[in-house]
PDB file of N, CA and C in Angstrom:
ATOM      1  N   MET A   1       0.823  -1.196   0.000  1.00  0.00           N
ATOM      2  CA  MET A   1       0.000   0.000   0.000  1.00  0.00           C
ATOM      3  C   MET A   1       0.868   1.261   0.000  1.00  0.00           C
ATOM      4  N   GLU A   2       1.923   1.249   0.823  1.00  0.00           N
ATOM      5  CA  GLU A   2       2.797   2.421   0.908  1.00  0.00           C
ATOM      6  C   GLU A   2       3.470   2.697  -0.433  1.00  0.00           C
ATOM      7  N   GLY A   3       3.819   1.638  -1.161  1.00  0.00           N
ATOM      8  CA  GLY A   3       4.428   1.804  -2.479  1.00  0.00           C
ATOM      9  C   GLY A   3       3.495   2.492  -3.455  1.00  0.00           C
ATOM     10  N   LYS A   4       2.203   2.174  -3.387  1.00  0.00           N
ATOM     11  CA  LYS A   4       1.220   2.813  -4.264  1.00  0.00           C
ATOM     12  C   LYS A   4       1.074   4.293  -3.930  1.00  0.00           C
ATOM     13  N   VAL A   5       1.108   4.601  -2.643  1.00  0.00           N
ATOM     14  CA  VAL A   5       1.004   5.997  -2.212  1.00  0.00           C
ATOM     15  C   VAL A   5       2.215   6.781  -2.705  1.00  0.00           C
ATOM     16  N   GLN A   6       3.390   6.197  -2.577  1.00  0.00           N
ATOM     17  CA  GLN A   6       4.596   6.873  -3.044  1.00  0.00           C
ATOM     18  C   GLN A   6       4.572   7.062  -4.555  1.00  0.00           C
ATOM     19  N   GLU A   7       4.107   6.040  -5.279  1.00  0.00           N
ATOM     20  CA  GLU A   7       3.996   6.149  -6.738  1.00  0.00           C
ATOM     21  C   GLU A   7       2.997   7.239  -7.119  1.00  0.00           C
ATOM     22  N   HIS A   8       1.877   7.291  -6.419  1.00  0.00           N
ATOM     23  CA  HIS A   8       0.862   8.321  -6.667  1.00  0.00           C
ATOM     24  C   HIS A   8       1.458   9.713  -6.433  1.00  0.00           C
ATOM     25  N   ASN A   9       2.185   9.864  -5.329  1.00  0.00           N
ATOM     26  CA  ASN A   9       2.802  11.154  -5.020  1.00  0.00           C
ATOM     27  C   ASN A   9       3.837  11.541  -6.077  1.00  0.00           C
ATOM     28  N   ARG A  10       4.595  10.562  -6.579  1.00  0.00           N
ATOM     29  CA  ARG A  10       5.559  10.848  -7.658  1.00  0.00           C
ATOM     30  C   ARG A  10       4.822  11.314  -8.912  1.00  0.00           C
ATOM     31  N   GLU A  11       3.704  10.673  -9.232  1.00  0.00           N
ATOM     32  CA  GLU A  11       2.911  11.091 -10.398  1.00  0.00           C
ATOM     33  C   GLU A  11       2.435  12.531 -10.239  1.00  0.00           C
ATOM     34  N   ILE A  12       1.943  12.858  -9.053  1.00  0.00           N
ATOM     35  CA  ILE A  12       1.451  14.217  -8.787  1.00  0.00           C
ATOM     36  C   ILE A  12       2.587  15.226  -8.933  1.00  0.00           C
ATOM     37  N   HIS A  13       3.731  14.940  -8.353  1.00  0.00           N
ATOM     38  CA  HIS A  13       4.875  15.858  -8.443  1.00  0.00           C
ATOM     39  C   HIS A  13       5.343  16.005  -9.893  1.00  0.00           C
ATOM     40  N   ASP A  14       5.313  14.913 -10.649  1.00  0.00           N
ATOM     41  CA  ASP A  14       5.705  14.971 -12.056  1.00  0.00           C
ATOM     42  C   ASP A  14       4.736  15.834 -12.859  1.00  0.00           C
ATOM     43  N   ILE A  15       3.450  15.671 -12.623  1.00  0.00           N
ATOM     44  CA  ILE A  15       2.440  16.495 -13.306  1.00  0.00           C
ATOM     45  C   ILE A  15       2.650  17.968 -12.948  1.00  0.00           C
ATOM     46  N   ALA A  16       2.865  18.236 -11.676  1.00  0.00           N
ATOM     47  CA  ALA A  16       3.076  19.620 -11.228  1.00  0.00           C
ATOM     48  C   ALA A  16       4.294  20.230 -11.909  1.00  0.00           C
ATOM     49  N   ARG A  17       5.371  19.474 -11.961  1.00  0.00           N
ATOM     50  CA  ARG A  17       6.611  19.978 -12.568  1.00  0.00           C
ATOM     51  C   ARG A  17       6.434  20.224 -14.063  1.00  0.00           C
ATOM     52  N   ARG A  18       5.846  19.265 -14.769  1.00  0.00           N
ATOM     53  CA  ARG A  18       5.697  19.379 -16.220  1.00  0.00           C
ATOM     54  C   ARG A  18       4.767  20.507 -16.642  1.00  0.00           C
ATOM     55  N   HIS A  19       3.741  20.771 -15.844  1.00  0.00           N
ATOM     56  CA  HIS A  19       2.732  21.741 -16.256  1.00  0.00           C
ATOM     57  C   HIS A  19       2.771  23.051 -15.472  1.00  0.00           C
ATOM     58  N   GLY A  20       3.689  23.190 -14.540  1.00  0.00           N
ATOM     59  CA  GLY A  20       3.787  24.424 -13.765  1.00  0.00           C
ATOM     60  C   GLY A  20       2.647  24.593 -12.779  1.00  0.00           C
ATOM     61  N   LEU A  21       2.102  23.476 -12.297  1.00  0.00           N
ATOM     62  CA  LEU A  21       0.968  23.508 -11.383  1.00  0.00           C
ATOM     63  C   LEU A  21       1.428  23.418  -9.935  1.00  0.00           C
ATOM     64  N   THR A  22       0.571  23.876  -9.041  1.00  0.00           N
ATOM     65  CA  THR A  22       0.801  23.609  -7.626  1.00  0.00           C
ATOM     66  C   THR A  22       0.455  22.138  -7.384  1.00  0.00           C
ATOM     67  N   GLU A  23       0.778  21.640  -6.217  1.00  0.00           N
ATOM     68  CA  GLU A  23       0.461  20.240  -5.912  1.00  0.00           C
ATOM     69  C   GLU A  23      -1.048  19.995  -5.964  1.00  0.00           C
ATOM     70  N   ASN A  24      -1.839  20.908  -5.413  1.00  0.00           N
ATOM     71  CA  ASN A  24      -3.299  20.738  -5.442  1.00  0.00           C
ATOM     72  C   ASN A  24      -3.842  20.794  -6.867  1.00  0.00           C
ATOM     73  N   GLU A  25      -3.322  21.697  -7.679  1.00  0.00           N
ATOM     74  CA  GLU A  25      -3.757  21.774  -9.081  1.00  0.00           C
ATOM     75  C   GLU A  25      -3.399  20.483  -9.819  1.00  0.00           C
ATOM     76  N   ALA A  26      -2.213  19.951  -9.530  1.00  0.00           N
ATOM     77  CA  ALA A  26      -1.785  18.696 -10.163  1.00  0.00           C
ATOM     78  C   ALA A  26      -2.691  17.546  -9.742  1.00  0.00           C
ATOM     79  N   ARG A  27      -3.110  17.543  -8.487  1.00  0.00           N
ATOM     80  CA  ARG A  27      -4.036  16.505  -8.019  1.00  0.00           C
ATOM     81  C   ARG A  27      -5.359  16.589  -8.772  1.00  0.00           C
ATOM     82  N   ILE A  28      -5.846  17.801  -8.983  1.00  0.00           N
ATOM     83  CA  ILE A  28      -7.092  17.980  -9.729  1.00  0.00           C
ATOM     84  C   ILE A  28      -6.939  17.420 -11.137  1.00  0.00           C
ATOM     85  N   LEU A  29      -5.855  17.794 -11.813  1.00  0.00           N
ATOM     86  CA  LEU A  29      -5.638  17.316 -13.179  1.00  0.00           C
ATOM     87  C   LEU A  29      -5.521  15.788 -13.201  1.00  0.00           C
ATOM     88  N   HIS A  30      -4.816  15.235 -12.246  1.00  0.00           N
ATOM     89  CA  HIS A  30      -4.661  13.779 -12.147  1.00  0.00           C
ATOM     90  C   HIS A  30      -6.036  13.115 -11.987  1.00  0.00           C
ATOM     91  N   HIS A  31      -6.862  13.675 -11.115  1.00  0.00           N
ATOM     92  CA  HIS A  31      -8.185  13.091 -10.893  1.00  0.00           C
ATOM     93  C   HIS A  31      -9.097  13.266 -12.105  1.00  0.00           C
ATOM     94  N   LEU A  32      -8.940  14.354 -12.830  1.00  0.00           N
ATOM     95  CA  LEU A  32      -9.704  14.522 -14.075  1.00  0.00           C
ATOM     96  C   LEU A  32      -9.338  13.430 -15.071  1.00  0.00           C
ATOM     97  N   ASP A  33      -8.043  13.158 -15.190  1.00  0.00           N
ATOM     98  CA  ASP A  33      -7.586  12.092 -16.085  1.00  0.00           C
ATOM     99  C   ASP A  33      -8.127  10.739 -15.640  1.00  0.00           C
ATOM    100  N   GLN A  34      -8.058  10.477 -14.334  1.00  0.00           N
ATOM    101  CA  GLN A  34      -8.564   9.206 -13.820  1.00  0.00           C
ATOM    102  C   GLN A  34     -10.064   9.072 -14.064  1.00  0.00           C
ATOM    103  N   ALA A  35     -10.804  10.147 -13.809  1.00  0.00           N
ATOM    104  CA  ALA A  35     -12.255  10.108 -14.003  1.00  0.00           C
ATOM    105  C   ALA A  35     -12.602   9.853 -15.464  1.00  0.00           C
ATOM    106  N   THR A  36     -11.859  10.449 -16.378  1.00  0.00           N
ATOM    107  CA  THR A  36     -12.096  10.238 -17.805  1.00  0.00           C
ATOM    108  C   THR A  36     -11.873   8.771 -18.165  1.00  0.00           C
ATOM    109  N   GLU A  37     -10.798   8.184 -17.678  1.00  0.00           N
ATOM    110  CA  GLU A  37     -10.511   6.777 -17.961  1.00  0.00           C
ATOM    111  C   GLU A  37     -11.572   5.861 -17.360  1.00  0.00           C
ATOM    112  N   LEU A  38     -11.975   6.150 -16.134  1.00  0.00           N
ATOM    113  CA  LEU A  38     -13.007   5.327 -15.506  1.00  0.00           C
ATOM    114  C   LEU A  38     -14.336   5.432 -16.252  1.00  0.00           C
ATOM    115  N   TYR A  39     -14.664   6.622 -16.708  1.00  0.00           N
ATOM    116  CA  TYR A  39     -15.903   6.824 -17.453  1.00  0.00           C
ATOM    117  C   TYR A  39     -15.895   6.017 -18.751  1.00  0.00           C
ATOM    118  N   LYS A  40     -14.756   5.997 -19.422  1.00  0.00           N
ATOM    119  CA  LYS A  40     -14.634   5.232 -20.662  1.00  0.00           C
ATOM    120  C   LYS A  40     -14.868   3.744 -20.427  1.00  0.00           C
ATOM    121  N   ARG A  41     -14.545   3.261 -19.227  1.00  0.00           N
ATOM    122  CA  ARG A  41     -14.664   1.826 -18.917  1.00  0.00           C
ATOM    123  C   ARG A  41     -16.058   1.414 -18.446  1.00  0.00           C
ATOM    124  N   LEU A  42     -16.965   2.372 -18.272  1.00  0.00           N
ATOM    125  CA  LEU A  42     -18.312   2.012 -17.830  1.00  0.00           C
ATOM    126  C   LEU A  42     -18.971   1.091 -18.851  1.00  0.00           C
ATOM    127  N   PRO A  43     -19.859   0.202 -18.386  1.00  0.00           N
ATOM    128  CA  PRO A  43     -20.574  -0.659 -19.335  1.00  0.00           C
ATOM    129  C   PRO A  43     -21.375   0.170 -20.342  1.00  0.00           C
ATOM    130  N   ASP A  44     -21.505  -0.359 -21.543  1.00  0.00           N
ATOM    131  CA  ASP A  44     -22.159   0.386 -22.611  1.00  0.00           C
ATOM    132  C   ASP A  44     -23.663   0.159 -22.684  1.00  0.00           C
ATOM    133  N   HIS A  45     -24.308  -0.256 -21.609  1.00  0.00           N
ATOM    134  CA  HIS A  45     -25.743  -0.479 -21.656  1.00  0.00           C
ATOM    135  C   HIS A  45     -26.555   0.807 -21.435  1.00  0.00           C
ATOM    136  N   HIS A  46     -25.892   1.930 -21.473  1.00  0.00           N
ATOM    137  CA  HIS A  46     -26.567   3.233 -21.394  1.00  0.00           C
ATOM    138  C   HIS A  46     -25.826   4.199 -22.314  1.00  0.00           C
ATOM    139  N   ASN A  47     -26.400   5.356 -22.521  1.00  0.00           N
ATOM    140  CA  ASN A  47     -25.780   6.353 -23.395  1.00  0.00           C
ATOM    141  C   ASN A  47     -24.538   6.916 -22.706  1.00  0.00           C
ATOM    142  N   LYS A  48     -23.397   6.633 -23.256  1.00  0.00           N
ATOM    143  CA  LYS A  48     -22.122   7.091 -22.690  1.00  0.00           C
ATOM    144  C   LYS A  48     -21.531   8.106 -23.663  1.00  0.00           C
ATOM    145  N   ASP A  49     -21.982   9.342 -23.539  1.00  0.00           N
ATOM    146  CA  ASP A  49     -21.560  10.398 -24.454  1.00  0.00           C
ATOM    147  C   ASP A  49     -20.190  10.921 -24.039  1.00  0.00           C
ATOM    148  N   ILE A  50     -19.147  10.303 -24.554  1.00  0.00           N
ATOM    149  CA  ILE A  50     -17.776  10.678 -24.180  1.00  0.00           C
ATOM    150  C   ILE A  50     -17.408  12.053 -24.717  1.00  0.00           C
ATOM    151  N   SER A  51     -18.038  12.486 -25.803  1.00  0.00           N
ATOM    152  CA  SER A  51     -17.691  13.805 -26.352  1.00  0.00           C
ATOM    153  C   SER A  51     -18.082  14.919 -25.382  1.00  0.00           C
ATOM    154  N   SER A  52     -19.236  14.821 -24.735  1.00  0.00           N
ATOM    155  CA  SER A  52     -19.600  15.855 -23.771  1.00  0.00           C
ATOM    156  C   SER A  52     -18.707  15.767 -22.539  1.00  0.00           C
ATOM    157  N   ARG A  53     -18.336  14.555 -22.138  1.00  0.00           N
ATOM    158  CA  ARG A  53     -17.434  14.380 -21.000  1.00  0.00           C
ATOM    159  C   ARG A  53     -16.077  15.010 -21.303  1.00  0.00           C
ATOM    160  N   THR A  54     -15.609  14.816 -22.518  1.00  0.00           N
ATOM    161  CA  THR A  54     -14.334  15.385 -22.936  1.00  0.00           C
ATOM    162  C   THR A  54     -14.405  16.909 -22.945  1.00  0.00           C
ATOM    163  N   THR A  55     -15.539  17.456 -23.359  1.00  0.00           N
ATOM    164  CA  THR A  55     -15.717  18.914 -23.367  1.00  0.00           C
ATOM    165  C   THR A  55     -15.581  19.485 -21.965  1.00  0.00           C
ATOM    166  N   TYR A  56     -16.200  18.843 -20.986  1.00  0.00           N
ATOM    167  CA  TYR A  56     -16.105  19.312 -19.603  1.00  0.00           C
ATOM    168  C   TYR A  56     -14.682  19.171 -19.072  1.00  0.00           C
ATOM    169  N   ARG A  57     -14.012  18.088 -19.428  1.00  0.00           N
ATOM    170  CA  ARG A  57     -12.649  17.873 -18.976  1.00  0.00           C
ATOM    171  C   ARG A  57     -11.724  18.958 -19.531  1.00  0.00           C
ATOM    172  N   LYS A  58     -11.925  19.301 -20.813  1.00  0.00           N
ATOM    173  CA  LYS A  58     -11.106  20.353 -21.423  1.00  0.00           C
ATOM    174  C   LYS A  58     -11.353  21.693 -20.748  1.00  0.00           C
ATOM    175  N   ALA A  59     -12.612  21.985 -20.427  1.00  0.00           N
ATOM    176  CA  ALA A  59     -12.931  23.259 -19.769  1.00  0.00           C
ATOM    177  C   ALA A  59     -12.268  23.338 -18.398  1.00  0.00           C
ATOM    178  N   LEU A  60     -12.316  22.265 -17.642  1.00  0.00           N
ATOM    179  CA  LEU A  60     -11.675  22.258 -16.327  1.00  0.00           C
ATOM    180  C   LEU A  60     -10.156  22.359 -16.450  1.00  0.00           C
ATOM    181  N   SER A  61      -9.593  21.722 -17.451  1.00  0.00           N
ATOM    182  CA  SER A  61      -8.150  21.830 -17.691  1.00  0.00           C
ATOM    183  C   SER A  61      -7.764  23.262 -18.036  1.00  0.00           C
ATOM    184  N   ARG A  62      -8.607  23.930 -18.803  1.00  0.00           N
ATOM    185  CA  ARG A  62      -8.334  25.331 -19.154  1.00  0.00           C
ATOM    186  C   ARG A  62      -8.358  26.232 -17.932  1.00  0.00           C
ATOM    187  N   LEU A  63      -9.252  25.940 -16.982  1.00  0.00           N
ATOM    188  CA  LEU A  63      -9.258  26.714 -15.741  1.00  0.00           C
ATOM    189  C   LEU A  63      -7.930  26.566 -15.005  1.00  0.00           C
ATOM    190  N   LEU A  64      -7.409  25.361 -14.977  1.00  0.00           N
ATOM    191  CA  LEU A  64      -6.101  25.150 -14.344  1.00  0.00           C
ATOM    192  C   LEU A  64      -5.007  25.878 -15.113  1.00  0.00           C
ATOM    193  N   MET A  65      -5.068  25.807 -16.441  1.00  0.00           N
ATOM    194  CA  MET A  65      -4.077  26.478 -17.274  1.00  0.00           C
ATOM    195  C   MET A  65      -4.109  27.989 -17.029  1.00  0.00           C
ATOM    196  N   LEU A  66      -5.303  28.546 -16.914  1.00  0.00           N
ATOM    197  CA  LEU A  66      -5.417  29.981 -16.670  1.00  0.00           C
ATOM    198  C   LEU A  66      -4.790  30.362 -15.335  1.00  0.00           C
ATOM    199  N   ARG A  67      -4.950  29.511 -14.327  1.00  0.00           N
ATOM    200  CA  ARG A  67      -4.320  29.787 -13.027  1.00  0.00           C
ATOM    201  C   ARG A  67      -2.806  29.870 -13.153  1.00  0.00           C
ATOM    202  N   VAL A  68      -2.221  28.955 -13.932  1.00  0.00           N
ATOM    203  CA  VAL A  68      -0.773  28.947 -14.118  1.00  0.00           C
ATOM    204  C   VAL A  68      -0.335  30.217 -14.840  1.00  0.00           C
ATOM    205  N   VAL A  69      -1.028  30.550 -15.915  1.00  0.00           N
ATOM    206  CA  VAL A  69      -0.670  31.723 -16.711  1.00  0.00           C
ATOM    207  C   VAL A  69      -0.805  32.992 -15.880  1.00  0.00           C
ATOM    208  N   LYS A  70      -1.906  33.124 -15.136  1.00  0.00           N
ATOM    209  CA  LYS A  70      -2.097  34.320 -14.298  1.00  0.00           C
ATOM    210  C   LYS A  70      -1.043  34.395 -13.197  1.00  0.00           C
ATOM    211  N   ARG A  71      -0.658  33.256 -12.679  1.00  0.00           N
ATOM    212  CA  ARG A  71       0.369  33.249 -11.628  1.00  0.00           C
ATOM    213  C   ARG A  71       1.716  33.689 -12.200  1.00  0.00           C
ATOM    214  N   ASP A  72       2.033  33.227 -13.421  1.00  0.00           N
ATOM    215  CA  ASP A  72       3.309  33.556 -14.045  1.00  0.00           C
ATOM    216  C   ASP A  72       3.335  34.962 -14.646  1.00  0.00           C
ATOM    217  N   GLN A  73       2.205  35.395 -15.174  1.00  0.00           N
ATOM    218  CA  GLN A  73       2.116  36.707 -15.841  1.00  0.00           C
ATOM    219  C   GLN A  73       0.866  37.444 -15.366  1.00  0.00           C
ATOM    220  N   PRO A  74       0.802  37.869 -14.114  1.00  0.00           N
ATOM    221  CA  PRO A  74      -0.436  38.437 -13.562  1.00  0.00           C
ATOM    222  C   PRO A  74      -0.911  39.704 -14.264  1.00  0.00           C
ATOM    223  N   GLU A  75      -0.013  40.490 -14.773  1.00  0.00           N
ATOM    224  CA  GLU A  75      -0.419  41.741 -15.418  1.00  0.00           C
ATOM    225  C   GLU A  75      -0.919  41.529 -16.844  1.00  0.00           C
ATOM    226  N   GLY A  76      -0.561  40.422 -17.452  1.00  0.00           N
ATOM    227  CA  GLY A  76      -0.932  40.191 -18.840  1.00  0.00           C
ATOM    228  C   GLY A  76      -2.234  39.446 -19.015  1.00  0.00           C
ATOM    229  N   TRP A  77      -2.787  38.894 -17.955  1.00  0.00           N
ATOM    230  CA  TRP A  77      -3.994  38.070 -18.064  1.00  0.00           C
ATOM    231  C   TRP A  77      -4.993  38.475 -16.994  1.00  0.00           C
ATOM    232  N   LEU A  78      -5.528  39.661 -17.145  1.00  0.00           N
ATOM    233  CA  LEU A  78      -6.490  40.174 -16.177  1.00  0.00           C
ATOM    234  C   LEU A  78      -7.895  39.679 -16.503  1.00  0.00           C
ATOM    235  N   THR A  79      -8.694  39.495 -15.465  1.00  0.00           N
ATOM    236  CA  THR A  79     -10.107  39.191 -15.678  1.00  0.00           C
ATOM    237  C   THR A  79     -10.803  40.474 -16.107  1.00  0.00           C
ATOM    238  N   GLU A  80     -12.040  40.360 -16.578  1.00  0.00           N
ATOM    239  CA  GLU A  80     -12.780  41.555 -16.977  1.00  0.00           C
ATOM    240  C   GLU A  80     -12.943  42.507 -15.798  1.00  0.00           C
ATOM    241  N   ALA A  81     -13.218  41.966 -14.620  1.00  0.00           N
ATOM    242  CA  ALA A  81     -13.377  42.811 -13.432  1.00  0.00           C
ATOM    243  C   ALA A  81     -12.071  43.526 -13.096  1.00  0.00           C
ATOM    244  N   GLU A  82     -10.949  42.830 -13.218  1.00  0.00           N
ATOM    245  CA  GLU A  82      -9.652  43.455 -12.943  1.00  0.00           C
ATOM    246  C   GLU A  82      -9.344  44.552 -13.960  1.00  0.00           C
ATOM    247  N   GLU A  83      -9.700  44.331 -15.219  1.00  0.00           N
ATOM    248  CA  GLU A  83      -9.484  45.351 -16.247  1.00  0.00           C
ATOM    249  C   GLU A  83     -10.336  46.585 -15.979  1.00  0.00           C
ATOM    250  N   GLU A  84     -11.593  46.382 -15.593  1.00  0.00           N
ATOM    251  CA  GLU A  84     -12.470  47.508 -15.266  1.00  0.00           C
ATOM    252  C   GLU A  84     -11.934  48.300 -14.081  1.00  0.00           C
ATOM    253  N   TYR A  85     -11.484  47.588 -13.074  1.00  0.00           N
ATOM    254  CA  TYR A  85     -10.916  48.244 -11.890  1.00  0.00           C
ATOM    255  C   TYR A  85      -9.695  49.053 -12.282  1.00  0.00           C
ATOM    256  N   ARG A  86      -8.849  48.499 -13.126  1.00  0.00           N
ATOM    257  CA  ARG A  86      -7.646  49.207 -13.566  1.00  0.00           C
ATOM    258  C   ARG A  86      -8.027  50.474 -14.350  1.00  0.00           C
ATOM    259  N   LYS A  87      -9.005  50.379 -15.239  1.00  0.00           N
ATOM    260  CA  LYS A  87      -9.448  51.541 -16.017  1.00  0.00           C
ATOM    261  C   LYS A  87      -9.984  52.633 -15.104  1.00  0.00           C
ATOM    262  N   LEU A  88     -10.775  52.241 -14.122  1.00  0.00           N
ATOM    263  CA  LEU A  88     -11.319  53.231 -13.180  1.00  0.00           C
ATOM    264  C   LEU A  88     -10.193  53.889 -12.385  1.00  0.00           C
ATOM    265  N   ALA A  89      -9.217  53.128 -11.988  1.00  0.00           N
ATOM    266  CA  ALA A  89      -8.081  53.679 -11.222  1.00  0.00           C
ATOM    267  C   ALA A  89      -7.275  54.636 -12.074  1.00  0.00           C
ATOM    268  N   GLU A  90      -7.128  54.340 -13.364  1.00  0.00           N
ATOM    269  CA  GLU A  90      -6.368  55.212 -14.266  1.00  0.00           C
ATOM    270  C   GLU A  90      -7.107  56.522 -14.531  1.00  0.00           C
ATOM    271  N   GLU A  91      -8.430  56.485 -14.517  1.00  0.00           N
ATOM    272  CA  GLU A  91      -9.231  57.678 -14.789  1.00  0.00           C
ATOM    273  C   GLU A  91      -9.213  58.660 -13.628  1.00  0.00           C
ATOM    274  N   GLU A  92      -8.902  58.187 -12.435  1.00  0.00           N
ATOM    275  CA  GLU A  92      -8.914  59.080 -11.248  1.00  0.00           C
ATOM    276  C   GLU A  92      -7.755  60.016 -11.227  1.00  0.00           C
TER     277      GLU A  92
END
């Protein structure tokens, strides 16, 4: 059991390093990948629309990607609210 935990932790650290994620962000991405694989393995006796599942997975991955980009380049990737606040501050 301890070996599996260590292997899991190595996977998480590798994901974090490769993608510039925090450990928690890497765990999320890892679990998204696991959930996608598990979903693919479900029995086919019901409608298993993998394309919609993939769409949601991509959207969640993009949220993680945006966190990395904003962390690395905070001034270049402002939200709409942050841009509005900046414009108002410049007008004063």
